[in-house]
């Protein structure tokens, strides 16, 4: 995302008049979610100063600081004392999606529920296969792309050693054990991974605002 992120962390990049992460917070609050944990590393103080305790967005924010980036799995593990023992909603900071998280199903005996979307142009081969019964597998066709939104049981990561580690290998292990569910979101979604896609999202949301 450089040069845009040279002086501004990605979550604070403006989209349709507000930081990208504020779109997430507003959607979470609208779904009735009031407690939010945010992992911060790069330019953490900027993000903390911008969002504060979250009261301006009708949520309560707890901050999990990473002195060095811990990847998704390690970041979750570091935040476990703040997250507690119940399943939690995980949302990547560099996506935008119109999904209503209140509509996601309970995990039951699964370790995670992944939200999947149609494959975008920049990721045509997708990530995982979703069966008609709502089971997610590493292999199989057709394939869909992981949206960066999921429900996670802390048991998925709790036994790992602290430090940096990826979440994907743990998900694949759980898939092999038949413990990952999923759903296909057919609404709006974009991976804000380049300045061009950020500009496209900005244009789309401004058009919706009229």
N, C-alpha and C. Protein backbone atom coordinates (compact mmCIF):
# COMPACT_ATOMS: atom_id res chain seq x y z
N UNK A 1 0.82 -1.22 0.00
CA UNK A 1 0.00 0.00 0.00
C UNK A 1 0.85 1.27 0.00
N UNK A 2 2.16 1.11 -0.04
CA UNK A 2 2.99 2.30 -0.11
C UNK A 2 2.78 2.99 -1.45
N UNK A 3 2.88 4.33 -1.50
CA UNK A 3 3.32 5.24 -0.44
C UNK A 3 2.24 5.65 0.55
N UNK A 4 1.00 5.16 0.39
CA UNK A 4 -0.08 5.62 1.26
C UNK A 4 0.18 5.31 2.73
N UNK A 5 0.86 4.18 3.00
CA UNK A 5 1.07 3.77 4.39
C UNK A 5 2.43 4.20 4.94
N UNK A 6 3.15 5.03 4.21
CA UNK A 6 4.45 5.49 4.73
C UNK A 6 4.28 6.27 6.03
N UNK A 7 3.20 7.02 6.13
CA UNK A 7 2.98 7.84 7.32
C UNK A 7 1.62 7.58 7.98
N UNK A 8 0.87 6.65 7.41
CA UNK A 8 -0.46 6.35 7.96
C UNK A 8 -0.67 4.85 7.95
N UNK A 9 -0.98 4.23 9.09
CA UNK A 9 -1.23 2.78 9.09
C UNK A 9 -2.48 2.46 8.27
N UNK A 10 -2.49 1.29 7.67
CA UNK A 10 -3.58 0.91 6.76
C UNK A 10 -4.97 1.07 7.38
N UNK A 11 -5.19 0.70 8.66
CA UNK A 11 -6.55 0.84 9.20
C UNK A 11 -7.07 2.28 9.24
N UNK A 12 -6.15 3.26 9.19
CA UNK A 12 -6.58 4.66 9.26
C UNK A 12 -6.68 5.31 7.89
N UNK A 13 -6.40 4.58 6.82
CA UNK A 13 -6.54 5.16 5.49
C UNK A 13 -8.00 5.56 5.26
N UNK A 14 -8.22 6.77 4.74
CA UNK A 14 -9.60 7.24 4.59
C UNK A 14 -10.34 6.56 3.45
N UNK A 15 -11.58 6.19 3.73
CA UNK A 15 -12.48 5.60 2.73
C UNK A 15 -13.84 6.27 2.89
N UNK A 16 -14.26 6.99 1.88
CA UNK A 16 -15.56 7.67 1.91
C UNK A 16 -15.71 8.53 3.16
N UNK A 17 -14.65 9.27 3.48
CA UNK A 17 -14.74 10.26 4.55
C UNK A 17 -14.45 9.79 5.95
N UNK A 18 -14.07 8.52 6.12
CA UNK A 18 -13.74 8.03 7.46
C UNK A 18 -12.69 6.93 7.35
N UNK A 19 -11.91 6.70 8.41
CA UNK A 19 -10.89 5.64 8.35
C UNK A 19 -11.51 4.28 8.07
N UNK A 20 -10.77 3.45 7.36
CA UNK A 20 -11.26 2.11 7.01
C UNK A 20 -11.73 1.35 8.24
N UNK A 21 -10.98 1.42 9.33
CA UNK A 21 -11.33 0.64 10.51
C UNK A 21 -12.62 1.14 11.16
N UNK A 22 -12.96 2.40 10.96
CA UNK A 22 -14.21 2.92 11.52
C UNK A 22 -15.42 2.27 10.84
N UNK A 23 -15.29 1.96 9.56
CA UNK A 23 -16.37 1.23 8.88
C UNK A 23 -16.62 -0.11 9.59
N UNK A 24 -15.53 -0.79 9.99
CA UNK A 24 -15.66 -2.05 10.72
C UNK A 24 -16.36 -1.83 12.07
N UNK A 25 -15.89 -0.84 12.81
CA UNK A 25 -16.44 -0.61 14.14
C UNK A 25 -17.92 -0.27 14.08
N UNK A 26 -18.31 0.52 13.11
CA UNK A 26 -19.72 0.89 12.98
C UNK A 26 -20.58 -0.32 12.63
N UNK A 27 -20.05 -1.20 11.79
CA UNK A 27 -20.82 -2.40 11.42
C UNK A 27 -20.94 -3.35 12.62
N UNK A 28 -19.86 -3.47 13.40
CA UNK A 28 -19.91 -4.32 14.60
C UNK A 28 -20.92 -3.77 15.60
N UNK A 29 -20.89 -2.46 15.81
CA UNK A 29 -21.82 -1.85 16.76
C UNK A 29 -23.27 -2.04 16.29
N UNK A 30 -23.50 -1.91 14.99
CA UNK A 30 -24.85 -2.09 14.45
C UNK A 30 -25.35 -3.51 14.65
N UNK A 31 -24.42 -4.47 14.73
CA UNK A 31 -24.78 -5.87 14.94
C UNK A 31 -24.93 -6.21 16.43
N UNK A 32 -24.74 -5.21 17.28
CA UNK A 32 -24.89 -5.44 18.71
C UNK A 32 -23.63 -5.86 19.43
N UNK A 33 -22.50 -5.82 18.73
CA UNK A 33 -21.22 -6.18 19.34
C UNK A 33 -20.66 -4.95 20.05
N UNK A 34 -20.38 -5.08 21.32
CA UNK A 34 -19.97 -3.92 22.11
C UNK A 34 -18.53 -4.00 22.62
N UNK A 35 -17.93 -5.18 22.62
CA UNK A 35 -16.56 -5.33 23.10
C UNK A 35 -15.67 -5.74 21.94
N UNK A 36 -14.61 -4.97 21.71
CA UNK A 36 -13.73 -5.18 20.56
C UNK A 36 -12.28 -5.20 21.04
N UNK A 37 -11.52 -6.17 20.56
CA UNK A 37 -10.08 -6.24 20.81
C UNK A 37 -9.38 -5.95 19.49
N UNK A 38 -8.44 -5.01 19.50
CA UNK A 38 -7.72 -4.65 18.28
C UNK A 38 -6.23 -4.92 18.48
N UNK A 39 -5.65 -5.72 17.59
CA UNK A 39 -4.21 -5.94 17.58
C UNK A 39 -3.53 -4.78 16.85
N UNK A 40 -2.51 -4.23 17.45
CA UNK A 40 -1.78 -3.13 16.81
C UNK A 40 -0.29 -3.39 16.87
N UNK A 41 0.40 -2.98 15.81
CA UNK A 41 1.85 -3.09 15.75
C UNK A 41 2.42 -1.86 15.05
N UNK A 42 2.33 -1.82 13.72
CA UNK A 42 2.88 -0.71 12.95
C UNK A 42 2.11 0.58 13.25
N UNK A 43 2.86 1.61 13.68
CA UNK A 43 2.26 2.90 14.03
C UNK A 43 1.08 2.74 14.98
N UNK A 44 1.29 1.91 16.00
CA UNK A 44 0.21 1.60 16.94
C UNK A 44 -0.34 2.84 17.62
N UNK A 45 0.54 3.76 18.01
CA UNK A 45 0.07 4.92 18.76
C UNK A 45 -0.87 5.78 17.94
N UNK A 46 -0.64 5.85 16.63
CA UNK A 46 -1.54 6.61 15.77
C UNK A 46 -2.95 6.03 15.81
N UNK A 47 -3.03 4.70 15.75
CA UNK A 47 -4.34 4.04 15.75
C UNK A 47 -5.03 4.22 17.10
N UNK A 48 -4.27 4.03 18.17
CA UNK A 48 -4.85 4.16 19.52
C UNK A 48 -5.34 5.59 19.75
N UNK A 49 -4.55 6.56 19.30
CA UNK A 49 -4.95 7.97 19.48
C UNK A 49 -6.22 8.28 18.68
N UNK A 50 -6.33 7.70 17.49
CA UNK A 50 -7.48 7.99 16.64
C UNK A 50 -8.78 7.38 17.17
N UNK A 51 -8.69 6.20 17.77
CA UNK A 51 -9.90 5.48 18.17
C UNK A 51 -10.18 5.54 19.66
N UNK A 52 -9.15 5.75 20.46
CA UNK A 52 -9.33 5.86 21.90
C UNK A 52 -9.95 4.61 22.51
N UNK A 53 -10.91 4.82 23.39
CA UNK A 53 -11.54 3.68 24.07
C UNK A 53 -12.73 3.13 23.29
N UNK A 54 -13.01 3.71 22.12
CA UNK A 54 -14.10 3.22 21.28
C UNK A 54 -15.46 3.81 21.57
N UNK A 55 -15.57 4.63 22.61
CA UNK A 55 -16.89 5.13 23.00
C UNK A 55 -17.53 5.98 21.90
N UNK A 56 -16.72 6.62 21.08
CA UNK A 56 -17.27 7.43 19.98
C UNK A 56 -17.97 6.57 18.94
N UNK A 57 -17.72 5.27 18.98
CA UNK A 57 -18.31 4.35 17.99
C UNK A 57 -19.24 3.33 18.65
N UNK A 58 -19.60 3.60 19.91
CA UNK A 58 -20.51 2.73 20.67
C UNK A 58 -19.94 1.34 20.91
N UNK A 59 -18.63 1.24 21.04
CA UNK A 59 -17.98 -0.01 21.43
C UNK A 59 -16.94 0.30 22.49
N UNK A 60 -16.50 -0.74 23.19
CA UNK A 60 -15.39 -0.63 24.14
C UNK A 60 -14.19 -1.36 23.56
N UNK A 61 -13.10 -0.62 23.32
CA UNK A 61 -11.92 -1.20 22.69
C UNK A 61 -10.88 -1.57 23.73
N UNK A 62 -10.37 -2.79 23.65
CA UNK A 62 -9.19 -3.22 24.40
C UNK A 62 -8.06 -3.39 23.39
N UNK A 63 -6.88 -2.92 23.74
CA UNK A 63 -5.75 -2.92 22.80
C UNK A 63 -4.77 -4.03 23.12
N UNK A 64 -4.41 -4.80 22.10
CA UNK A 64 -3.38 -5.84 22.22
C UNK A 64 -2.19 -5.40 21.39
N UNK A 65 -1.11 -5.04 22.05
CA UNK A 65 0.06 -4.49 21.36
C UNK A 65 1.05 -5.60 20.99
N UNK A 66 1.54 -5.52 19.77
CA UNK A 66 2.58 -6.43 19.30
C UNK A 66 3.85 -5.62 19.05
N UNK A 67 4.88 -5.88 19.84
CA UNK A 67 6.13 -5.15 19.65
C UNK A 67 6.73 -5.46 18.29
N UNK A 68 6.60 -6.72 17.88
CA UNK A 68 6.95 -7.13 16.52
C UNK A 68 5.74 -7.88 15.96
N UNK A 69 5.49 -7.80 14.65
CA UNK A 69 4.32 -8.47 14.08
C UNK A 69 4.32 -9.96 14.38
N UNK A 70 3.17 -10.48 14.83
CA UNK A 70 3.07 -11.88 15.26
C UNK A 70 2.29 -12.75 14.29
N UNK A 71 1.92 -12.22 13.12
CA UNK A 71 1.05 -12.91 12.17
C UNK A 71 -0.31 -13.14 12.83
N UNK A 72 -1.24 -13.67 12.06
CA UNK A 72 -2.61 -13.77 12.57
C UNK A 72 -2.72 -14.72 13.76
N UNK A 73 -2.12 -15.91 13.65
CA UNK A 73 -2.20 -16.86 14.75
C UNK A 73 -1.54 -16.36 16.01
N UNK A 74 -0.33 -15.84 15.88
CA UNK A 74 0.38 -15.32 17.04
C UNK A 74 -0.32 -14.12 17.65
N UNK A 75 -0.92 -13.29 16.80
CA UNK A 75 -1.65 -12.14 17.31
C UNK A 75 -2.87 -12.54 18.12
N UNK A 76 -3.58 -13.56 17.65
CA UNK A 76 -4.72 -14.07 18.41
C UNK A 76 -4.25 -14.63 19.74
N UNK A 77 -3.18 -15.43 19.70
CA UNK A 77 -2.66 -16.04 20.93
C UNK A 77 -2.29 -14.97 21.95
N UNK A 78 -1.65 -13.91 21.48
CA UNK A 78 -1.25 -12.81 22.37
C UNK A 78 -2.48 -12.14 22.99
N UNK A 79 -3.56 -12.09 22.24
CA UNK A 79 -4.76 -11.40 22.71
C UNK A 79 -5.70 -12.28 23.52
N UNK A 80 -5.40 -13.56 23.69
CA UNK A 80 -6.32 -14.47 24.38
C UNK A 80 -6.75 -14.00 25.77
N UNK A 81 -5.85 -13.41 26.58
CA UNK A 81 -6.31 -12.93 27.89
C UNK A 81 -7.41 -11.87 27.78
N UNK A 82 -7.42 -11.13 26.68
CA UNK A 82 -8.46 -10.12 26.47
C UNK A 82 -9.71 -10.72 25.83
N UNK A 83 -9.52 -11.76 25.04
CA UNK A 83 -10.63 -12.36 24.30
C UNK A 83 -11.48 -13.30 25.15
N UNK A 84 -10.88 -13.93 26.14
CA UNK A 84 -11.62 -14.86 26.98
C UNK A 84 -11.69 -16.24 26.36
N UNK A 85 -12.58 -17.08 26.88
CA UNK A 85 -12.66 -18.48 26.47
C UNK A 85 -13.78 -18.77 25.48
N UNK A 86 -14.63 -17.80 25.21
CA UNK A 86 -15.75 -18.03 24.29
C UNK A 86 -15.33 -17.75 22.85
N UNK A 87 -16.02 -18.32 21.87
CA UNK A 87 -15.73 -18.00 20.47
C UNK A 87 -15.87 -16.51 20.20
N UNK A 88 -15.08 -16.02 19.28
CA UNK A 88 -15.08 -14.59 18.96
C UNK A 88 -15.07 -14.39 17.45
N UNK A 89 -15.50 -13.21 17.04
CA UNK A 89 -15.50 -12.83 15.64
C UNK A 89 -14.15 -12.21 15.29
N UNK A 90 -13.53 -12.70 14.24
CA UNK A 90 -12.24 -12.19 13.78
C UNK A 90 -12.45 -11.48 12.44
N UNK A 91 -12.02 -10.22 12.36
CA UNK A 91 -12.17 -9.45 11.13
C UNK A 91 -10.82 -8.85 10.75
N UNK A 92 -10.34 -9.17 9.56
CA UNK A 92 -9.10 -8.58 9.09
C UNK A 92 -9.30 -7.08 8.86
N UNK A 93 -8.26 -6.31 9.16
CA UNK A 93 -8.38 -4.86 9.06
C UNK A 93 -8.27 -4.32 7.65
N UNK A 94 -7.86 -5.15 6.69
CA UNK A 94 -7.62 -4.64 5.35
C UNK A 94 -8.65 -5.12 4.33
N UNK A 95 -9.87 -5.34 4.81
CA UNK A 95 -10.97 -5.70 3.90
C UNK A 95 -12.16 -4.78 4.21
N UNK A 96 -13.11 -4.77 3.28
CA UNK A 96 -14.41 -4.12 3.53
C UNK A 96 -15.48 -5.09 3.07
N UNK A 97 -16.53 -5.23 3.87
CA UNK A 97 -17.58 -6.20 3.54
C UNK A 97 -18.90 -5.73 4.13
N UNK A 98 -20.00 -5.98 3.41
CA UNK A 98 -21.31 -5.57 3.92
C UNK A 98 -22.00 -6.69 4.71
N UNK A 99 -21.27 -7.71 5.08
CA UNK A 99 -21.83 -8.81 5.87
C UNK A 99 -22.35 -8.33 7.22
N UNK A 100 -23.52 -8.81 7.61
CA UNK A 100 -24.03 -8.57 8.96
C UNK A 100 -23.54 -9.71 9.85
N UNK A 101 -22.58 -9.46 10.74
CA UNK A 101 -22.03 -10.56 11.55
C UNK A 101 -23.05 -11.20 12.47
N UNK A 102 -24.15 -10.51 12.74
CA UNK A 102 -25.17 -11.09 13.62
C UNK A 102 -25.82 -12.31 12.98
N UNK A 103 -25.68 -12.46 11.67
CA UNK A 103 -26.29 -13.58 10.99
C UNK A 103 -25.44 -14.83 10.94
N UNK A 104 -24.22 -14.78 11.46
CA UNK A 104 -23.36 -15.96 11.43
C UNK A 104 -23.85 -17.01 12.43
N UNK A 105 -23.72 -18.29 12.09
CA UNK A 105 -24.23 -19.35 12.97
C UNK A 105 -23.29 -19.60 14.15
N UNK A 106 -23.82 -20.24 15.17
CA UNK A 106 -22.98 -20.67 16.29
C UNK A 106 -22.03 -21.76 15.82
N UNK A 107 -20.89 -21.88 16.48
CA UNK A 107 -19.88 -22.85 16.07
C UNK A 107 -20.29 -24.30 16.33
N UNK A 108 -21.08 -24.53 17.35
CA UNK A 108 -21.37 -25.92 17.70
C UNK A 108 -20.07 -26.62 18.09
N UNK A 109 -19.75 -27.72 17.43
CA UNK A 109 -18.51 -28.43 17.72
C UNK A 109 -17.34 -28.03 16.84
N UNK A 110 -17.53 -27.03 15.99
CA UNK A 110 -16.45 -26.60 15.10
C UNK A 110 -15.46 -25.70 15.82
N UNK A 111 -14.26 -25.65 15.27
CA UNK A 111 -13.23 -24.75 15.80
C UNK A 111 -13.25 -23.40 15.10
N UNK A 112 -13.90 -23.32 13.94
CA UNK A 112 -13.99 -22.04 13.24
C UNK A 112 -15.10 -22.11 12.20
N UNK A 113 -15.62 -20.95 11.87
CA UNK A 113 -16.56 -20.79 10.75
C UNK A 113 -16.00 -19.69 9.87
N UNK A 114 -15.72 -20.02 8.62
CA UNK A 114 -15.09 -19.07 7.70
C UNK A 114 -16.13 -18.48 6.75
N UNK A 115 -16.07 -17.17 6.57
CA UNK A 115 -16.88 -16.52 5.55
C UNK A 115 -16.09 -16.52 4.25
N UNK A 116 -16.69 -17.06 3.20
CA UNK A 116 -16.04 -17.17 1.90
C UNK A 116 -16.79 -16.33 0.88
N UNK A 117 -16.05 -15.84 -0.13
CA UNK A 117 -16.64 -15.00 -1.17
C UNK A 117 -16.19 -15.49 -2.53
N UNK A 118 -16.86 -15.00 -3.58
CA UNK A 118 -16.43 -15.32 -4.94
C UNK A 118 -15.00 -14.84 -5.15
N UNK A 119 -14.26 -15.56 -5.97
CA UNK A 119 -12.85 -15.23 -6.19
C UNK A 119 -12.70 -13.91 -6.95
N UNK A 120 -11.94 -12.97 -6.39
CA UNK A 120 -11.70 -11.71 -7.10
C UNK A 120 -10.70 -11.90 -8.23
N UNK A 121 -10.59 -10.90 -9.09
CA UNK A 121 -9.69 -10.99 -10.24
C UNK A 121 -8.25 -11.24 -9.82
N UNK A 122 -7.83 -10.66 -8.69
CA UNK A 122 -6.43 -10.79 -8.28
C UNK A 122 -6.16 -12.10 -7.54
N UNK A 123 -7.20 -12.91 -7.32
CA UNK A 123 -7.03 -14.19 -6.61
C UNK A 123 -7.96 -15.23 -7.23
N UNK A 124 -7.77 -15.54 -8.51
CA UNK A 124 -8.75 -16.34 -9.25
C UNK A 124 -8.85 -17.80 -8.81
N UNK A 125 -7.83 -18.33 -8.15
CA UNK A 125 -7.85 -19.75 -7.79
C UNK A 125 -8.48 -20.01 -6.42
N UNK A 126 -8.77 -18.96 -5.69
CA UNK A 126 -9.45 -19.13 -4.41
C UNK A 126 -8.58 -19.75 -3.33
N UNK A 127 -9.20 -20.08 -2.21
CA UNK A 127 -8.49 -20.63 -1.05
C UNK A 127 -9.00 -22.00 -0.63
N UNK A 128 -10.34 -22.15 -0.55
CA UNK A 128 -10.91 -23.36 0.02
C UNK A 128 -12.15 -23.80 -0.76
N UNK A 129 -12.53 -25.05 -0.53
CA UNK A 129 -13.75 -25.61 -1.11
C UNK A 129 -14.84 -25.66 -0.05
N UNK A 130 -16.03 -25.20 -0.39
CA UNK A 130 -17.18 -25.23 0.51
C UNK A 130 -18.19 -26.23 -0.02
N UNK A 131 -18.51 -27.23 0.80
CA UNK A 131 -19.47 -28.25 0.37
C UNK A 131 -20.90 -27.72 0.52
N UNK A 132 -21.85 -28.36 -0.15
CA UNK A 132 -23.26 -27.96 0.02
C UNK A 132 -23.74 -28.05 1.47
N UNK A 133 -23.07 -28.89 2.26
CA UNK A 133 -23.45 -29.04 3.68
C UNK A 133 -22.79 -28.00 4.57
N UNK A 134 -22.01 -27.08 3.98
CA UNK A 134 -21.38 -26.03 4.77
C UNK A 134 -20.08 -26.43 5.44
N UNK A 135 -19.39 -27.44 4.89
CA UNK A 135 -18.09 -27.84 5.42
C UNK A 135 -17.00 -27.26 4.53
N UNK A 136 -15.92 -26.82 5.14
CA UNK A 136 -14.81 -26.21 4.41
C UNK A 136 -13.65 -27.19 4.34
N UNK A 137 -13.11 -27.37 3.12
CA UNK A 137 -11.99 -28.29 2.90
C UNK A 137 -10.87 -27.57 2.15
N UNK A 138 -9.65 -28.04 2.41
CA UNK A 138 -8.48 -27.47 1.75
C UNK A 138 -8.45 -27.83 0.28
N UNK A 139 -8.97 -29.02 -0.06
CA UNK A 139 -8.98 -29.49 -1.45
C UNK A 139 -10.41 -29.59 -1.96
N UNK A 140 -10.54 -29.56 -3.27
CA UNK A 140 -11.85 -29.70 -3.89
C UNK A 140 -12.22 -28.52 -4.75
N UNK A 141 -13.17 -28.73 -5.64
CA UNK A 141 -13.66 -27.70 -6.56
C UNK A 141 -15.19 -27.64 -6.46
N UNK A 142 -15.78 -26.46 -6.71
CA UNK A 142 -15.13 -25.17 -6.97
C UNK A 142 -14.55 -24.59 -5.69
N UNK A 143 -13.72 -23.57 -5.87
CA UNK A 143 -13.05 -22.95 -4.74
C UNK A 143 -13.54 -21.52 -4.55
N UNK A 144 -13.51 -21.09 -3.31
CA UNK A 144 -13.89 -19.73 -2.96
C UNK A 144 -12.75 -19.07 -2.19
N UNK A 145 -12.82 -17.78 -2.03
CA UNK A 145 -11.78 -17.00 -1.36
C UNK A 145 -12.20 -16.68 0.07
N UNK A 146 -11.27 -16.85 1.00
CA UNK A 146 -11.53 -16.48 2.40
C UNK A 146 -11.68 -14.97 2.49
N UNK A 147 -12.77 -14.53 3.10
CA UNK A 147 -13.09 -13.10 3.15
C UNK A 147 -12.33 -12.33 4.21
N UNK A 148 -11.61 -13.03 5.09
CA UNK A 148 -10.96 -12.33 6.20
C UNK A 148 -11.91 -12.08 7.35
N UNK A 149 -13.02 -12.82 7.38
CA UNK A 149 -14.01 -12.75 8.46
C UNK A 149 -14.30 -14.17 8.92
N UNK A 150 -14.23 -14.39 10.23
CA UNK A 150 -14.45 -15.75 10.73
C UNK A 150 -14.87 -15.72 12.19
N UNK A 151 -15.53 -16.79 12.60
CA UNK A 151 -15.75 -17.06 14.02
C UNK A 151 -14.68 -18.06 14.44
N UNK A 152 -14.03 -17.80 15.56
CA UNK A 152 -12.92 -18.62 16.00
C UNK A 152 -13.14 -19.09 17.44
N UNK A 153 -12.93 -20.37 17.67
CA UNK A 153 -12.89 -20.89 19.03
C UNK A 153 -11.44 -20.75 19.52
N UNK A 154 -11.22 -20.15 20.69
CA UNK A 154 -9.84 -19.99 21.18
C UNK A 154 -9.07 -21.30 21.23
N UNK A 155 -9.76 -22.43 21.33
CA UNK A 155 -9.09 -23.73 21.37
C UNK A 155 -8.26 -23.98 20.12
N UNK A 156 -8.56 -23.27 19.03
CA UNK A 156 -7.81 -23.45 17.79
C UNK A 156 -6.35 -23.07 17.95
N UNK A 157 -6.06 -22.08 18.81
CA UNK A 157 -4.69 -21.57 18.92
C UNK A 157 -4.08 -21.71 20.31
N UNK A 158 -4.88 -22.03 21.32
CA UNK A 158 -4.43 -21.91 22.70
C UNK A 158 -3.23 -22.80 23.01
N UNK A 159 -3.09 -23.93 22.35
CA UNK A 159 -2.00 -24.86 22.68
C UNK A 159 -0.68 -24.51 21.99
N UNK A 160 -0.69 -23.52 21.11
CA UNK A 160 0.55 -23.11 20.46
C UNK A 160 1.44 -22.33 21.41
N UNK A 161 2.74 -22.37 21.16
CA UNK A 161 3.67 -21.56 21.94
C UNK A 161 3.51 -20.09 21.54
N UNK A 162 3.69 -19.16 22.49
CA UNK A 162 3.62 -17.74 22.14
C UNK A 162 4.67 -17.39 21.09
N UNK A 163 4.38 -16.34 20.34
CA UNK A 163 5.29 -15.91 19.28
C UNK A 163 4.56 -15.83 17.96
N UNK A 164 5.31 -15.55 16.92
CA UNK A 164 4.71 -15.38 15.60
C UNK A 164 4.39 -16.74 14.97
N UNK A 165 3.14 -16.91 14.54
CA UNK A 165 2.79 -18.09 13.75
C UNK A 165 1.52 -17.80 12.95
N UNK A 166 1.42 -18.47 11.82
CA UNK A 166 0.29 -18.26 10.92
C UNK A 166 -0.93 -19.04 11.38
N UNK A 167 -2.10 -18.54 11.01
CA UNK A 167 -3.35 -19.21 11.37
C UNK A 167 -3.71 -20.30 10.36
N UNK A 168 -3.33 -20.10 9.10
CA UNK A 168 -3.76 -21.01 8.03
C UNK A 168 -3.41 -22.48 8.28
N UNK A 169 -2.19 -22.81 8.73
CA UNK A 169 -1.90 -24.23 8.98
C UNK A 169 -2.81 -24.86 10.04
N UNK A 170 -3.18 -24.08 11.05
CA UNK A 170 -4.08 -24.60 12.08
C UNK A 170 -5.47 -24.82 11.51
N UNK A 171 -5.90 -23.91 10.65
CA UNK A 171 -7.20 -24.10 10.01
C UNK A 171 -7.21 -25.35 9.15
N UNK A 172 -6.12 -25.58 8.41
CA UNK A 172 -6.07 -26.76 7.54
C UNK A 172 -6.06 -28.05 8.35
N UNK A 173 -5.39 -28.04 9.49
CA UNK A 173 -5.42 -29.22 10.36
C UNK A 173 -6.85 -29.49 10.85
N UNK A 174 -7.54 -28.42 11.22
CA UNK A 174 -8.91 -28.58 11.70
C UNK A 174 -9.85 -29.00 10.57
N UNK A 175 -9.57 -28.52 9.35
CA UNK A 175 -10.36 -28.97 8.19
C UNK A 175 -10.22 -30.47 7.99
N UNK A 176 -8.99 -30.96 8.11
CA UNK A 176 -8.75 -32.40 7.95
C UNK A 176 -9.50 -33.21 8.99
N UNK A 177 -9.74 -32.60 10.14
CA UNK A 177 -10.49 -33.28 11.21
C UNK A 177 -11.99 -33.03 11.10
N UNK A 178 -12.41 -32.30 10.06
CA UNK A 178 -13.84 -32.05 9.86
C UNK A 178 -14.43 -31.04 10.81
N UNK A 179 -13.61 -30.09 11.29
CA UNK A 179 -14.09 -29.17 12.31
C UNK A 179 -14.09 -27.71 11.88
N UNK A 180 -14.19 -27.47 10.57
CA UNK A 180 -14.30 -26.11 10.06
C UNK A 180 -15.55 -26.00 9.19
N UNK A 181 -16.44 -25.10 9.58
CA UNK A 181 -17.62 -24.81 8.78
C UNK A 181 -17.44 -23.51 8.03
N UNK A 182 -18.39 -23.22 7.17
CA UNK A 182 -18.28 -21.98 6.41
C UNK A 182 -19.58 -21.60 5.74
N UNK A 183 -19.59 -20.39 5.20
CA UNK A 183 -20.75 -19.90 4.46
C UNK A 183 -20.26 -19.02 3.32
N UNK A 184 -21.08 -18.95 2.28
CA UNK A 184 -20.75 -18.19 1.07
C UNK A 184 -21.48 -16.85 1.13
N UNK A 185 -20.72 -15.78 1.30
CA UNK A 185 -21.31 -14.43 1.31
C UNK A 185 -21.33 -13.91 -0.12
N UNK A 186 -22.51 -13.58 -0.59
CA UNK A 186 -22.66 -13.13 -1.98
C UNK A 186 -22.86 -11.62 -2.09
N UNK A 187 -22.66 -10.92 -1.00
CA UNK A 187 -22.78 -9.47 -1.03
C UNK A 187 -21.48 -8.80 -1.43
N UNK A 188 -21.35 -7.54 -1.05
CA UNK A 188 -20.17 -6.74 -1.42
C UNK A 188 -18.99 -7.07 -0.52
N UNK A 189 -17.83 -7.19 -1.14
CA UNK A 189 -16.58 -7.47 -0.41
C UNK A 189 -15.42 -6.99 -1.26
N UNK A 190 -14.40 -6.43 -0.62
CA UNK A 190 -13.20 -6.05 -1.35
C UNK A 190 -11.99 -6.16 -0.42
N UNK A 191 -10.92 -6.71 -0.96
CA UNK A 191 -9.63 -6.77 -0.27
C UNK A 191 -8.89 -5.48 -0.60
N UNK A 192 -8.72 -4.63 0.41
CA UNK A 192 -8.12 -3.32 0.18
C UNK A 192 -6.60 -3.47 0.26
N UNK A 193 -6.03 -4.15 -0.73
CA UNK A 193 -4.61 -4.47 -0.67
C UNK A 193 -3.72 -3.61 -1.54
N UNK A 194 -4.31 -2.75 -2.36
CA UNK A 194 -3.53 -1.87 -3.23
C UNK A 194 -4.18 -0.49 -3.24
N UNK A 195 -3.41 0.55 -3.58
CA UNK A 195 -4.01 1.89 -3.69
C UNK A 195 -5.17 1.92 -4.68
N UNK A 196 -5.06 1.13 -5.74
CA UNK A 196 -6.12 1.12 -6.75
C UNK A 196 -7.42 0.55 -6.19
N UNK A 197 -7.32 -0.54 -5.42
CA UNK A 197 -8.54 -1.13 -4.84
C UNK A 197 -9.11 -0.23 -3.74
N UNK A 198 -8.24 0.46 -3.02
CA UNK A 198 -8.71 1.42 -2.03
C UNK A 198 -9.50 2.54 -2.71
N UNK A 199 -8.96 3.05 -3.82
CA UNK A 199 -9.65 4.11 -4.56
C UNK A 199 -10.98 3.62 -5.11
N UNK A 200 -11.03 2.37 -5.57
CA UNK A 200 -12.27 1.80 -6.09
C UNK A 200 -13.33 1.72 -4.99
N UNK A 201 -12.91 1.25 -3.80
CA UNK A 201 -13.84 1.17 -2.68
C UNK A 201 -14.34 2.55 -2.29
N UNK A 202 -13.44 3.52 -2.24
CA UNK A 202 -13.82 4.89 -1.91
C UNK A 202 -14.88 5.40 -2.88
N UNK A 203 -14.66 5.16 -4.16
CA UNK A 203 -15.62 5.60 -5.19
C UNK A 203 -16.97 4.90 -5.02
N UNK A 204 -16.95 3.60 -4.79
CA UNK A 204 -18.19 2.84 -4.65
C UNK A 204 -19.01 3.32 -3.45
N UNK A 205 -18.34 3.54 -2.32
CA UNK A 205 -19.07 3.96 -1.12
C UNK A 205 -19.59 5.38 -1.25
N UNK A 206 -18.82 6.24 -1.90
CA UNK A 206 -19.31 7.62 -2.11
C UNK A 206 -20.53 7.63 -3.03
N UNK A 207 -20.54 6.74 -4.01
CA UNK A 207 -21.71 6.64 -4.89
C UNK A 207 -22.93 6.17 -4.11
N UNK A 208 -22.73 5.23 -3.19
CA UNK A 208 -23.84 4.74 -2.37
C UNK A 208 -24.38 5.83 -1.45
N UNK A 209 -23.46 6.70 -0.99
CA UNK A 209 -23.87 7.79 -0.10
C UNK A 209 -24.63 8.87 -0.85
N UNK A 210 -24.49 8.86 -2.19
CA UNK A 210 -25.18 9.85 -3.01
C UNK A 210 -24.43 11.16 -3.04
